[in-house]
PDB file of all heavy atoms in Angstrom:
ATOM      1  N   GLU A   1     -13.512  -3.074   1.172  1.00  0.00           N
ATOM      2  CA  GLU A   1     -14.706  -2.762   1.969  1.00  0.00           C
ATOM      3  C   GLU A   1     -15.043  -3.914   2.902  1.00  0.00           C
ATOM      4  O   GLU A   1     -15.439  -3.711   4.055  1.00  0.00           O
ATOM      5  CB  GLU A   1     -15.901  -2.453   1.049  1.00  0.00           C
ATOM      6  CG  GLU A   1     -15.775  -1.140   0.294  1.00  0.00           C
ATOM      7  CD  GLU A   1     -15.520   0.039   1.230  1.00  0.00           C
ATOM      8  OE1 GLU A   1     -16.234   0.154   2.253  1.00  0.00           O
ATOM      9  OE2 GLU A   1     -14.578   0.820   0.950  1.00  0.00           O
ATOM     10  N   GLN A   2     -14.869  -5.138   2.403  1.00  0.00           N
ATOM     11  CA  GLN A   2     -15.104  -6.311   3.239  1.00  0.00           C
ATOM     12  C   GLN A   2     -14.110  -6.358   4.391  1.00  0.00           C
ATOM     13  O   GLN A   2     -14.464  -6.668   5.536  1.00  0.00           O
ATOM     14  CB  GLN A   2     -14.982  -7.589   2.393  1.00  0.00           C
ATOM     15  CG  GLN A   2     -15.310  -8.872   3.129  1.00  0.00           C
ATOM     16  CD  GLN A   2     -16.765  -8.939   3.594  1.00  0.00           C
ATOM     17  OE1 GLN A   2     -17.676  -8.624   2.829  1.00  0.00           O
ATOM     18  NE2 GLN A   2     -16.989  -9.307   4.860  1.00  0.00           N
ATOM     19  N   TYR A   3     -12.838  -6.032   4.086  1.00  0.00           N
ATOM     20  CA  TYR A   3     -11.804  -5.995   5.131  1.00  0.00           C
ATOM     21  C   TYR A   3     -12.178  -4.970   6.211  1.00  0.00           C
ATOM     22  O   TYR A   3     -12.062  -5.263   7.420  1.00  0.00           O
ATOM     23  CB  TYR A   3     -10.446  -5.649   4.517  1.00  0.00           C
ATOM     24  CG  TYR A   3      -9.413  -5.238   5.536  1.00  0.00           C
ATOM     25  CD1 TYR A   3      -8.743  -6.193   6.285  1.00  0.00           C
ATOM     26  CD2 TYR A   3      -9.145  -3.890   5.785  1.00  0.00           C
ATOM     27  CE1 TYR A   3      -7.807  -5.823   7.251  1.00  0.00           C
ATOM     28  CE2 TYR A   3      -8.214  -3.510   6.743  1.00  0.00           C
ATOM     29  CZ  TYR A   3      -7.551  -4.479   7.475  1.00  0.00           C
ATOM     30  OH  TYR A   3      -6.648  -4.105   8.441  1.00  0.00           O
ATOM     31  N   LYS A   4     -12.616  -3.797   5.810  1.00  0.00           N
ATOM     32  CA  LYS A   4     -12.969  -2.747   6.779  1.00  0.00           C
ATOM     33  C   LYS A   4     -14.136  -3.194   7.652  1.00  0.00           C
ATOM     34  O   LYS A   4     -14.152  -2.964   8.872  1.00  0.00           O
ATOM     35  CB  LYS A   4     -13.331  -1.456   6.039  1.00  0.00           C
ATOM     36  CG  LYS A   4     -12.158  -0.774   5.354  1.00  0.00           C
ATOM     37  CD  LYS A   4     -12.616   0.470   4.595  1.00  0.00           C
ATOM     38  CE  LYS A   4     -11.446   1.166   3.905  1.00  0.00           C
ATOM     39  NZ  LYS A   4     -11.891   2.353   3.137  1.00  0.00           N
ATOM     40  N   LYS A   5     -15.101  -3.851   7.027  1.00  0.00           N
ATOM     41  CA  LYS A   5     -16.264  -4.326   7.759  1.00  0.00           C
ATOM     42  C   LYS A   5     -15.882  -5.418   8.761  1.00  0.00           C
ATOM     43  O   LYS A   5     -16.366  -5.435   9.902  1.00  0.00           O
ATOM     44  CB  LYS A   5     -17.291  -4.864   6.761  1.00  0.00           C
ATOM     45  CG  LYS A   5     -18.584  -5.354   7.392  1.00  0.00           C
ATOM     46  CD  LYS A   5     -19.555  -5.835   6.319  1.00  0.00           C
ATOM     47  CE  LYS A   5     -20.833  -6.383   6.933  1.00  0.00           C
ATOM     48  NZ  LYS A   5     -21.769  -6.890   5.882  1.00  0.00           N
ATOM     49  N   ASP A   6     -14.995  -6.319   8.346  1.00  0.00           N
ATOM     50  CA  ASP A   6     -14.601  -7.441   9.198  1.00  0.00           C
ATOM     51  C   ASP A   6     -13.728  -7.003  10.372  1.00  0.00           C
ATOM     52  O   ASP A   6     -13.792  -7.588  11.465  1.00  0.00           O
ATOM     53  CB  ASP A   6     -13.843  -8.491   8.379  1.00  0.00           C
ATOM     54  CG  ASP A   6     -14.744  -9.199   7.369  1.00  0.00           C
ATOM     55  OD1 ASP A   6     -15.976  -9.124   7.521  1.00  0.00           O
ATOM     56  OD2 ASP A   6     -14.191  -9.813   6.427  1.00  0.00           O
ATOM     57  N   THR A   7     -12.875  -6.010  10.144  1.00  0.00           N
ATOM     58  CA  THR A   7     -11.861  -5.663  11.150  1.00  0.00           C
ATOM     59  C   THR A   7     -12.134  -4.350  11.871  1.00  0.00           C
ATOM     60  O   THR A   7     -11.571  -4.091  12.940  1.00  0.00           O
ATOM     61  CB  THR A   7     -10.471  -5.559  10.501  1.00  0.00           C
ATOM     62  OG1 THR A   7     -10.483  -4.467   9.546  1.00  0.00           O
ATOM     63  CG2 THR A   7     -10.093  -6.852   9.800  1.00  0.00           C
ATOM     64  N   GLY A   8     -12.952  -3.490  11.280  1.00  0.00           N
ATOM     65  CA  GLY A   8     -13.163  -2.167  11.854  1.00  0.00           C
ATOM     66  C   GLY A   8     -12.020  -1.207  11.553  1.00  0.00           C
ATOM     67  O   GLY A   8     -12.016  -0.052  12.001  1.00  0.00           O
ATOM     68  N   ASP A   9     -11.037  -1.656  10.786  1.00  0.00           N
ATOM     69  CA  ASP A   9      -9.897  -0.818  10.396  1.00  0.00           C
ATOM     70  C   ASP A   9     -10.291  -0.033   9.144  1.00  0.00           C
ATOM     71  O   ASP A   9     -10.304  -0.572   8.037  1.00  0.00           O
ATOM     72  CB  ASP A   9      -8.680  -1.715  10.113  1.00  0.00           C
ATOM     73  CG  ASP A   9      -7.463  -0.920   9.672  1.00  0.00           C
ATOM     74  OD1 ASP A   9      -7.500   0.323   9.733  1.00  0.00           O
ATOM     75  OD2 ASP A   9      -6.462  -1.558   9.244  1.00  0.00           O
ATOM     76  N   LEU A  10     -10.591   1.250   9.318  1.00  0.00           N
ATOM     77  CA  LEU A  10     -11.101   2.060   8.211  1.00  0.00           C
ATOM     78  C   LEU A  10      -9.988   2.726   7.402  1.00  0.00           C
ATOM     79  O   LEU A  10     -10.265   3.323   6.352  1.00  0.00           O
ATOM     80  CB  LEU A  10     -12.051   3.129   8.746  1.00  0.00           C
ATOM     81  CG  LEU A  10     -13.268   2.595   9.518  1.00  0.00           C
ATOM     82  CD1 LEU A  10     -14.157   3.741   9.978  1.00  0.00           C
ATOM     83  CD2 LEU A  10     -14.060   1.598   8.662  1.00  0.00           C
ATOM     84  N   GLN A  11      -8.764   2.655   7.876  1.00  0.00           N
ATOM     85  CA  GLN A  11      -7.653   3.276   7.160  1.00  0.00           C
ATOM     86  C   GLN A  11      -6.477   2.271   7.043  1.00  0.00           C
ATOM     87  O   GLN A  11      -5.451   2.434   7.693  1.00  0.00           O
ATOM     88  CB  GLN A  11      -7.189   4.552   7.850  1.00  0.00           C
ATOM     89  CG  GLN A  11      -8.244   5.663   7.809  1.00  0.00           C
ATOM     90  CD  GLN A  11      -7.738   6.934   8.482  1.00  0.00           C
ATOM     91  OE1 GLN A  11      -7.141   6.877   9.562  1.00  0.00           O
ATOM     92  NE2 GLN A  11      -7.970   8.064   7.835  1.00  0.00           N
ATOM     93  N   PRO A  12      -6.654   1.246   6.239  1.00  0.00           N
ATOM     94  CA  PRO A  12      -5.584   0.242   6.113  1.00  0.00           C
ATOM     95  C   PRO A  12      -4.324   0.858   5.509  1.00  0.00           C
ATOM     96  O   PRO A  12      -4.396   1.674   4.587  1.00  0.00           O
ATOM     97  CB  PRO A  12      -6.189  -0.809   5.177  1.00  0.00           C
ATOM     98  CG  PRO A  12      -7.277  -0.103   4.439  1.00  0.00           C
ATOM     99  CD  PRO A  12      -7.819   0.917   5.377  1.00  0.00           C
ATOM    100  N   GLU A  13      -3.187   0.449   6.068  1.00  0.00           N
ATOM    101  CA  GLU A  13      -1.910   0.930   5.531  1.00  0.00           C
ATOM    102  C   GLU A  13      -0.874  -0.178   5.622  1.00  0.00           C
ATOM    103  O   GLU A  13      -0.890  -0.994   6.546  1.00  0.00           O
ATOM    104  CB  GLU A  13      -1.447   2.183   6.274  1.00  0.00           C
ATOM    105  CG  GLU A  13      -1.463   2.070   7.790  1.00  0.00           C
ATOM    106  CD  GLU A  13      -1.134   3.400   8.452  1.00  0.00           C
ATOM    107  OE1 GLU A  13      -0.004   3.894   8.249  1.00  0.00           O
ATOM    108  OE2 GLU A  13      -2.004   3.934   9.151  1.00  0.00           O
ATOM    109  N   ILE A  14       0.024  -0.197   4.652  1.00  0.00           N
ATOM    110  CA  ILE A  14       1.057  -1.222   4.597  1.00  0.00           C
ATOM    111  C   ILE A  14       2.399  -0.572   4.261  1.00  0.00           C
ATOM    112  O   ILE A  14       2.449   0.546   3.754  1.00  0.00           O
ATOM    113  CB  ILE A  14       0.739  -2.314   3.550  1.00  0.00           C
ATOM    114  CG1 ILE A  14       0.621  -1.700   2.150  1.00  0.00           C
ATOM    115  CG2 ILE A  14      -0.522  -3.076   3.922  1.00  0.00           C
ATOM    116  CD1 ILE A  14       0.420  -2.720   1.034  1.00  0.00           C
ATOM    117  N   THR A  15       3.476  -1.293   4.547  1.00  0.00           N
ATOM    118  CA  THR A  15       4.829  -0.841   4.200  1.00  0.00           C
ATOM    119  C   THR A  15       5.512  -1.919   3.380  1.00  0.00           C
ATOM    120  O   THR A  15       5.499  -3.102   3.750  1.00  0.00           O
ATOM    121  CB  THR A  15       5.657  -0.557   5.468  1.00  0.00           C
ATOM    122  OG1 THR A  15       5.006   0.469   6.233  1.00  0.00           O
ATOM    123  CG2 THR A  15       7.071  -0.100   5.110  1.00  0.00           C
ATOM    124  N   ILE A  16       6.115  -1.511   2.256  1.00  0.00           N
ATOM    125  CA  ILE A  16       6.818  -2.437   1.371  1.00  0.00           C
ATOM    126  C   ILE A  16       8.316  -2.170   1.461  1.00  0.00           C
ATOM    127  O   ILE A  16       8.763  -1.036   1.268  1.00  0.00           O
ATOM    128  CB  ILE A  16       6.356  -2.276  -0.093  1.00  0.00           C
ATOM    129  CG1 ILE A  16       4.853  -2.535  -0.223  1.00  0.00           C
ATOM    130  CG2 ILE A  16       7.144  -3.221  -1.015  1.00  0.00           C
ATOM    131  CD1 ILE A  16       4.285  -2.238  -1.608  1.00  0.00           C
ATOM    132  N   GLY A  17       9.097  -3.205   1.746  1.00  0.00           N
ATOM    133  CA  GLY A  17      10.551  -3.091   1.759  1.00  0.00           C
ATOM    134  C   GLY A  17      11.126  -3.480   0.407  1.00  0.00           C
ATOM    135  O   GLY A  17      10.770  -4.524  -0.149  1.00  0.00           O
ATOM    136  N   THR A  18      12.006  -2.647  -0.138  1.00  0.00           N
ATOM    137  CA  THR A  18      12.607  -2.925  -1.444  1.00  0.00           C
ATOM    138  C   THR A  18      13.989  -2.297  -1.529  1.00  0.00           C
ATOM    139  O   THR A  18      14.388  -1.519  -0.657  1.00  0.00           O
ATOM    140  CB  THR A  18      11.722  -2.385  -2.590  1.00  0.00           C
ATOM    141  OG1 THR A  18      12.269  -2.781  -3.852  1.00  0.00           O
ATOM    142  CG2 THR A  18      11.631  -0.865  -2.547  1.00  0.00           C
ATOM    143  N   ASN A  19      14.721  -2.631  -2.591  1.00  0.00           N
ATOM    144  CA  ASN A  19      15.950  -1.907  -2.894  1.00  0.00           C
ATOM    145  C   ASN A  19      15.682  -0.940  -4.044  1.00  0.00           C
ATOM    146  O   ASN A  19      14.609  -0.962  -4.657  1.00  0.00           O
ATOM    147  CB  ASN A  19      17.108  -2.865  -3.210  1.00  0.00           C
ATOM    148  CG  ASN A  19      16.806  -3.788  -4.386  1.00  0.00           C
ATOM    149  OD1 ASN A  19      16.056  -3.441  -5.292  1.00  0.00           O
ATOM    150  ND2 ASN A  19      17.392  -4.972  -4.379  1.00  0.00           N
ATOM    151  N   SER A  20      16.647  -0.100  -4.360  1.00  0.00           N
ATOM    152  CA  SER A  20      16.426   0.976  -5.329  1.00  0.00           C
ATOM    153  C   SER A  20      16.161   0.454  -6.737  1.00  0.00           C
ATOM    154  O   SER A  20      15.493   1.120  -7.530  1.00  0.00           O
ATOM    155  CB  SER A  20      17.627   1.921  -5.347  1.00  0.00           C
ATOM    156  OG  SER A  20      18.817   1.217  -5.679  1.00  0.00           O
ATOM    157  N   GLN A  21      16.654  -0.745  -7.067  1.00  0.00           N
ATOM    158  CA  GLN A  21      16.494  -1.279  -8.415  1.00  0.00           C
ATOM    159  C   GLN A  21      15.028  -1.495  -8.780  1.00  0.00           C
ATOM    160  O   GLN A  21      14.649  -1.402  -9.951  1.00  0.00           O
ATOM    161  CB  GLN A  21      17.271  -2.587  -8.543  1.00  0.00           C
ATOM    162  CG  GLN A  21      17.275  -3.153  -9.964  1.00  0.00           C
ATOM    163  CD  GLN A  21      18.070  -4.440 -10.075  1.00  0.00           C
ATOM    164  OE1 GLN A  21      18.717  -4.872  -9.119  1.00  0.00           O
ATOM    165  NE2 GLN A  21      18.041  -5.067 -11.238  1.00  0.00           N
ATOM    166  N   TYR A  22      14.194  -1.776  -7.775  1.00  0.00           N
ATOM    167  CA  TYR A  22      12.781  -2.056  -8.032  1.00  0.00           C
ATOM    168  C   TYR A  22      11.862  -0.963  -7.489  1.00  0.00           C
ATOM    169  O   TYR A  22      10.662  -1.174  -7.351  1.00  0.00           O
ATOM    170  CB  TYR A  22      12.405  -3.418  -7.421  1.00  0.00           C
ATOM    171  CG  TYR A  22      13.083  -4.577  -8.105  1.00  0.00           C
ATOM    172  CD1 TYR A  22      14.352  -5.002  -7.720  1.00  0.00           C
ATOM    173  CD2 TYR A  22      12.473  -5.224  -9.175  1.00  0.00           C
ATOM    174  CE1 TYR A  22      14.989  -6.055  -8.367  1.00  0.00           C
ATOM    175  CE2 TYR A  22      13.100  -6.283  -9.828  1.00  0.00           C
ATOM    176  CZ  TYR A  22      14.356  -6.686  -9.416  1.00  0.00           C
ATOM    177  OH  TYR A  22      14.970  -7.725 -10.069  1.00  0.00           O
ATOM    178  N   LEU A  23      12.452   0.193  -7.218  1.00  0.00           N
ATOM    179  CA  LEU A  23      11.654   1.293  -6.668  1.00  0.00           C
ATOM    180  C   LEU A  23      10.557   1.717  -7.628  1.00  0.00           C
ATOM    181  O   LEU A  23       9.437   2.020  -7.206  1.00  0.00           O
ATOM    182  CB  LEU A  23      12.568   2.477  -6.337  1.00  0.00           C
ATOM    183  CG  LEU A  23      11.878   3.717  -5.745  1.00  0.00           C
ATOM    184  CD1 LEU A  23      11.150   3.365  -4.453  1.00  0.00           C
ATOM    185  CD2 LEU A  23      12.909   4.825  -5.495  1.00  0.00           C
ATOM    186  N   ASP A  24      10.843   1.734  -8.931  1.00  0.00           N
ATOM    187  CA  ASP A  24       9.837   2.164  -9.902  1.00  0.00           C
ATOM    188  C   ASP A  24       8.606   1.269  -9.863  1.00  0.00           C
ATOM    189  O   ASP A  24       7.464   1.747  -9.925  1.00  0.00           O
ATOM    190  CB  ASP A  24      10.421   2.230 -11.313  1.00  0.00           C
ATOM    191  CG  ASP A  24      11.035   0.914 -11.794  1.00  0.00           C
ATOM    192  OD1 ASP A  24      11.257   0.011 -10.957  1.00  0.00           O
ATOM    193  OD2 ASP A  24      11.295   0.793 -13.008  1.00  0.00           O
ATOM    194  N   ILE A  25       8.813  -0.045  -9.734  1.00  0.00           N
ATOM    195  CA  ILE A  25       7.689  -0.984  -9.673  1.00  0.00           C
ATOM    196  C   ILE A  25       6.894  -0.783  -8.385  1.00  0.00           C
ATOM    197  O   ILE A  25       5.660  -0.770  -8.392  1.00  0.00           O
ATOM    198  CB  ILE A  25       8.194  -2.430  -9.807  1.00  0.00           C
ATOM    199  CG1 ILE A  25       8.512  -2.721 -11.275  1.00  0.00           C
ATOM    200  CG2 ILE A  25       7.182  -3.440  -9.270  1.00  0.00           C
ATOM    201  CD1 ILE A  25       9.032  -4.095 -11.551  1.00  0.00           C
ATOM    202  N   CYS A  26       7.605  -0.630  -7.268  1.00  0.00           N
ATOM    203  CA  CYS A  26       6.912  -0.444  -5.983  1.00  0.00           C
ATOM    204  C   CYS A  26       6.150   0.872  -5.946  1.00  0.00           C
ATOM    205  O   CYS A  26       5.057   0.946  -5.363  1.00  0.00           O
ATOM    206  CB  CYS A  26       7.914  -0.524  -4.825  1.00  0.00           C
ATOM    207  SG  CYS A  26       8.587  -2.191  -4.582  1.00  0.00           S
ATOM    208  N   GLU A  27       6.678   1.906  -6.572  1.00  0.00           N
ATOM    209  CA  GLU A  27       5.966   3.195  -6.623  1.00  0.00           C
ATOM    210  C   GLU A  27       4.722   3.087  -7.491  1.00  0.00           C
ATOM    211  O   GLU A  27       3.685   3.701  -7.188  1.00  0.00           O
ATOM    212  CB  GLU A  27       6.893   4.280  -7.151  1.00  0.00           C
ATOM    213  CG  GLU A  27       7.944   4.717  -6.136  1.00  0.00           C
ATOM    214  CD  GLU A  27       8.878   5.787  -6.663  1.00  0.00           C
ATOM    215  OE1 GLU A  27       9.025   5.897  -7.912  1.00  0.00           O
ATOM    216  OE2 GLU A  27       9.473   6.508  -5.850  1.00  0.00           O
ATOM    217  N   TYR A  28       4.789   2.314  -8.566  1.00  0.00           N
ATOM    218  CA  TYR A  28       3.606   2.090  -9.395  1.00  0.00           C
ATOM    219  C   TYR A  28       2.525   1.369  -8.592  1.00  0.00           C
ATOM    220  O   TYR A  28       1.341   1.768  -8.600  1.00  0.00           O
ATOM    221  CB  TYR A  28       3.985   1.270 -10.635  1.00  0.00           C
ATOM    222  CG  TYR A  28       2.791   0.761 -11.406  1.00  0.00           C
ATOM    223  CD1 TYR A  28       1.967   1.629 -12.107  1.00  0.00           C
ATOM    224  CD2 TYR A  28       2.468  -0.597 -11.415  1.00  0.00           C
ATOM    225  CE1 TYR A  28       0.850   1.170 -12.802  1.00  0.00           C
ATOM    226  CE2 TYR A  28       1.371  -1.076 -12.105  1.00  0.00           C
ATOM    227  CZ  TYR A  28       0.570  -0.196 -12.797  1.00  0.00           C
ATOM    228  OH  TYR A  28      -0.537  -0.637 -13.470  1.00  0.00           O
ATOM    229  N   ILE A  29       2.892   0.323  -7.874  1.00  0.00           N
ATOM    230  CA  ILE A  29       1.934  -0.406  -7.044  1.00  0.00           C
ATOM    231  C   ILE A  29       1.386   0.500  -5.951  1.00  0.00           C
ATOM    232  O   ILE A  29       0.187   0.463  -5.628  1.00  0.00           O
ATOM    233  CB  ILE A  29       2.602  -1.665  -6.444  1.00  0.00           C
ATOM    234  CG1 ILE A  29       2.953  -2.659  -7.574  1.00  0.00           C
ATOM    235  CG2 ILE A  29       1.704  -2.338  -5.415  1.00  0.00           C
ATOM    236  CD1 ILE A  29       3.798  -3.828  -7.130  1.00  0.00           C
ATOM    237  N   GLN A  30       2.237   1.340  -5.384  1.00  0.00           N
ATOM    238  CA  GLN A  30       1.809   2.297  -4.357  1.00  0.00           C
ATOM    239  C   GLN A  30       0.689   3.193  -4.883  1.00  0.00           C
ATOM    240  O   GLN A  30      -0.353   3.375  -4.225  1.00  0.00           O
ATOM    241  CB  GLN A  30       3.000   3.159  -3.932  1.00  0.00           C
ATOM    242  CG  GLN A  30       2.677   4.227  -2.895  1.00  0.00           C
ATOM    243  CD  GLN A  30       3.874   5.145  -2.640  1.00  0.00           C
ATOM    244  OE1 GLN A  30       4.558   5.568  -3.583  1.00  0.00           O
ATOM    245  NE2 GLN A  30       4.154   5.418  -1.380  1.00  0.00           N
ATOM    246  N   ARG A  31       0.872   3.751  -6.082  1.00  0.00           N
ATOM    247  CA  ARG A  31      -0.148   4.639  -6.660  1.00  0.00           C
ATOM    248  C   ARG A  31      -1.461   3.893  -6.898  1.00  0.00           C
ATOM    249  O   ARG A  31      -2.553   4.424  -6.626  1.00  0.00           O
ATOM    250  CB  ARG A  31       0.361   5.230  -7.979  1.00  0.00           C
ATOM    251  CG  ARG A  31       1.488   6.235  -7.807  1.00  0.00           C
ATOM    252  CD  ARG A  31       1.756   6.995  -9.092  1.00  0.00           C
ATOM    253  NE  ARG A  31       2.209   6.135 -10.176  1.00  0.00           N
ATOM    254  CZ  ARG A  31       3.477   5.830 -10.410  1.00  0.00           C
ATOM    255  NH1 ARG A  31       4.429   6.310  -9.616  1.00  0.00           N
ATOM    256  NH2 ARG A  31       3.805   5.056 -11.431  1.00  0.00           N
ATOM    257  N   GLU A  32      -1.350   2.656  -7.407  1.00  0.00           N
ATOM    258  CA  GLU A  32      -2.563   1.898  -7.702  1.00  0.00           C
ATOM    259  C   GLU A  32      -3.302   1.486  -6.425  1.00  0.00           C
ATOM    260  O   GLU A  32      -4.540   1.494  -6.378  1.00  0.00           O
ATOM    261  CB  GLU A  32      -2.212   0.660  -8.539  1.00  0.00           C
ATOM    262  CG  GLU A  32      -1.615   0.971  -9.903  1.00  0.00           C
ATOM    263  CD  GLU A  32      -2.516   1.861 -10.740  1.00  0.00           C
ATOM    264  OE1 GLU A  32      -3.620   1.406 -11.095  1.00  0.00           O
ATOM    265  OE2 GLU A  32      -2.137   3.015 -11.016  1.00  0.00           O
ATOM    266  N   LEU A  33      -2.573   1.128  -5.382  1.00  0.00           N
ATOM    267  CA  LEU A  33      -3.207   0.739  -4.118  1.00  0.00           C
ATOM    268  C   LEU A  33      -3.884   1.926  -3.448  1.00  0.00           C
ATOM    269  O   LEU A  33      -4.952   1.773  -2.818  1.00  0.00           O
ATOM    270  CB  LEU A  33      -2.165   0.126  -3.175  1.00  0.00           C
ATOM    271  CG  LEU A  33      -1.690  -1.289  -3.508  1.00  0.00           C
ATOM    272  CD1 LEU A  33      -0.595  -1.728  -2.549  1.00  0.00           C
ATOM    273  CD2 LEU A  33      -2.841  -2.286  -3.458  1.00  0.00           C
ATOM    274  N   GLU A  34      -3.278   3.085  -3.562  1.00  0.00           N
ATOM    275  CA  GLU A  34      -3.892   4.261  -2.950  1.00  0.00           C
ATOM    276  C   GLU A  34      -5.216   4.614  -3.619  1.00  0.00           C
ATOM    277  O   GLU A  34      -6.108   5.184  -2.992  1.00  0.00           O
ATOM    278  CB  GLU A  34      -2.900   5.430  -2.982  1.00  0.00           C
ATOM    279  CG  GLU A  34      -1.765   5.220  -1.971  1.00  0.00           C
ATOM    280  CD  GLU A  34      -0.692   6.293  -2.011  1.00  0.00           C
ATOM    281  OE1 GLU A  34      -0.703   7.107  -2.979  1.00  0.00           O
ATOM    282  OE2 GLU A  34       0.157   6.314  -1.101  1.00  0.00           O
ATOM    283  N   LYS A  35      -5.377   4.229  -4.886  1.00  0.00           N
ATOM    284  CA  LYS A  35      -6.646   4.462  -5.590  1.00  0.00           C
ATOM    285  C   LYS A  35      -7.775   3.624  -5.009  1.00  0.00           C
ATOM    286  O   LYS A  35      -8.952   4.007  -5.118  1.00  0.00           O
ATOM    287  CB  LYS A  35      -6.490   4.125  -7.077  1.00  0.00           C
ATOM    288  CG  LYS A  35      -5.597   5.085  -7.846  1.00  0.00           C
ATOM    289  CD  LYS A  35      -5.446   4.614  -9.294  1.00  0.00           C
ATOM    290  CE  LYS A  35      -4.479   5.483 -10.065  1.00  0.00           C
ATOM    291  NZ  LYS A  35      -4.280   4.997 -11.457  1.00  0.00           N
ATOM    292  N   ILE A  36      -7.454   2.471  -4.405  1.00  0.00           N
ATOM    293  CA  ILE A  36      -8.514   1.619  -3.852  1.00  0.00           C
ATOM    294  C   ILE A  36      -8.605   1.747  -2.329  1.00  0.00           C
ATOM    295  O   ILE A  36      -9.324   0.996  -1.682  1.00  0.00           O
ATOM    296  CB  ILE A  36      -8.308   0.143  -4.247  1.00  0.00           C
ATOM    297  CG1 ILE A  36      -7.024  -0.426  -3.630  1.00  0.00           C
ATOM    298  CG2 ILE A  36      -8.311  -0.020  -5.760  1.00  0.00           C
ATOM    299  CD1 ILE A  36      -6.933  -1.941  -3.695  1.00  0.00           C
ATOM    300  N   GLY A  37      -7.814   2.666  -1.757  1.00  0.00           N
ATOM    301  CA  GLY A  37      -7.978   2.950  -0.332  1.00  0.00           C
ATOM    302  C   GLY A  37      -6.952   2.331   0.596  1.00  0.00           C
ATOM    303  O   GLY A  37      -7.200   2.235   1.806  1.00  0.00           O
ATOM    304  N   ILE A  38      -5.800   1.916   0.079  1.00  0.00           N
ATOM    305  CA  ILE A  38      -4.732   1.394   0.940  1.00  0.00           C
ATOM    306  C   ILE A  38      -3.551   2.366   0.901  1.00  0.00           C
ATOM    307  O   ILE A  38      -2.993   2.639  -0.167  1.00  0.00           O
ATOM    308  CB  ILE A  38      -4.244   0.003   0.480  1.00  0.00           C
ATOM    309  CG1 ILE A  38      -5.394  -1.006   0.465  1.00  0.00           C
ATOM    310  CG2 ILE A  38      -3.124  -0.503   1.387  1.00  0.00           C
ATOM    311  CD1 ILE A  38      -4.994  -2.398  -0.037  1.00  0.00           C
ATOM    312  N   ALA A  39      -3.202   2.911   2.050  1.00  0.00           N
ATOM    313  CA  ALA A  39      -2.040   3.794   2.135  1.00  0.00           C
ATOM    314  C   ALA A  39      -0.766   2.945   2.142  1.00  0.00           C
ATOM    315  O   ALA A  39      -0.688   1.931   2.844  1.00  0.00           O
ATOM    316  CB  ALA A  39      -2.114   4.649   3.398  1.00  0.00           C
ATOM    317  N   VAL A  40       0.237   3.367   1.362  1.00  0.00           N
ATOM    318  CA  VAL A  40       1.454   2.567   1.195  1.00  0.00           C
ATOM    319  C   VAL A  40       2.689   3.411   1.492  1.00  0.00           C
ATOM    320  O   VAL A  40       2.850   4.514   0.962  1.00  0.00           O
ATOM    321  CB  VAL A  40       1.562   1.995  -0.232  1.00  0.00           C
ATOM    322  CG1 VAL A  40       2.841   1.184  -0.382  1.00  0.00           C
ATOM    323  CG2 VAL A  40       0.346   1.141  -0.556  1.00  0.00           C
ATOM    324  N   THR A  41       3.556   2.878   2.342  1.00  0.00           N
ATOM    325  CA  THR A  41       4.878   3.455   2.577  1.00  0.00           C
ATOM    326  C   THR A  41       5.913   2.535   1.954  1.00  0.00           C
ATOM    327  O   THR A  41       5.825   1.311   2.092  1.00  0.00           O
ATOM    328  CB  THR A  41       5.164   3.591   4.086  1.00  0.00           C
ATOM    329  OG1 THR A  41       4.173   4.437   4.673  1.00  0.00           O
ATOM    330  CG2 THR A  41       6.540   4.179   4.329  1.00  0.00           C
ATOM    331  N   ILE A  42       6.876   3.117   1.250  1.00  0.00           N
ATOM    332  CA  ILE A  42       7.947   2.317   0.636  1.00  0.00           C
ATOM    333  C   ILE A  42       9.228   2.557   1.412  1.00  0.00           C
ATOM    334  O   ILE A  42       9.674   3.696   1.567  1.00  0.00           O
ATOM    335  CB  ILE A  42       8.135   2.675  -0.845  1.00  0.00           C
ATOM    336  CG1 ILE A  42       6.851   2.394  -1.628  1.00  0.00           C
ATOM    337  CG2 ILE A  42       9.298   1.873  -1.437  1.00  0.00           C
ATOM    338  CD1 ILE A  42       6.916   2.821  -3.079  1.00  0.00           C
ATOM    339  N   ASP A  43       9.806   1.489   1.906  1.00  0.00           N
ATOM    340  CA  ASP A  43      11.044   1.558   2.681  1.00  0.00           C
ATOM    341  C   ASP A  43      12.182   1.056   1.795  1.00  0.00           C
ATOM    342  O   ASP A  43      12.300  -0.142   1.537  1.00  0.00           O
ATOM    343  CB  ASP A  43      10.910   0.688   3.941  1.00  0.00           C
ATOM    344  CG  ASP A  43      12.069   0.875   4.904  1.00  0.00           C
ATOM    345  OD1 ASP A  43      12.971   1.679   4.602  1.00  0.00           O
ATOM    346  OD2 ASP A  43      12.080   0.205   5.963  1.00  0.00           O
ATOM    347  N   VAL A  44      12.998   1.998   1.288  1.00  0.00           N
ATOM    348  CA  VAL A  44      14.095   1.647   0.383  1.00  0.00           C
ATOM    349  C   VAL A  44      15.363   1.407   1.198  1.00  0.00           C
ATOM    350  O   VAL A  44      15.725   2.219   2.048  1.00  0.00           O
ATOM    351  CB  VAL A  44      14.340   2.757  -0.654  1.00  0.00           C
ATOM    352  CG1 VAL A  44      15.435   2.350  -1.633  1.00  0.00           C
ATOM    353  CG2 VAL A  44      13.055   3.069  -1.419  1.00  0.00           C
TER     354      VAL A  44
END
C-alpha cells in the first residue's frame, strides 16, 4: 500500500526468471505474492 501511494502504480507486477528445477518454489512464491496484490509472471 505504501508502494502504491508513493509511486501511483496501483497494479504492481514482476517477472521471475528460473529454470525448471526450481519452478515449484517460484510457483509457490507466485501464489503468495498474488495474495498481497503483486502479479507475478514466471519465465522458465
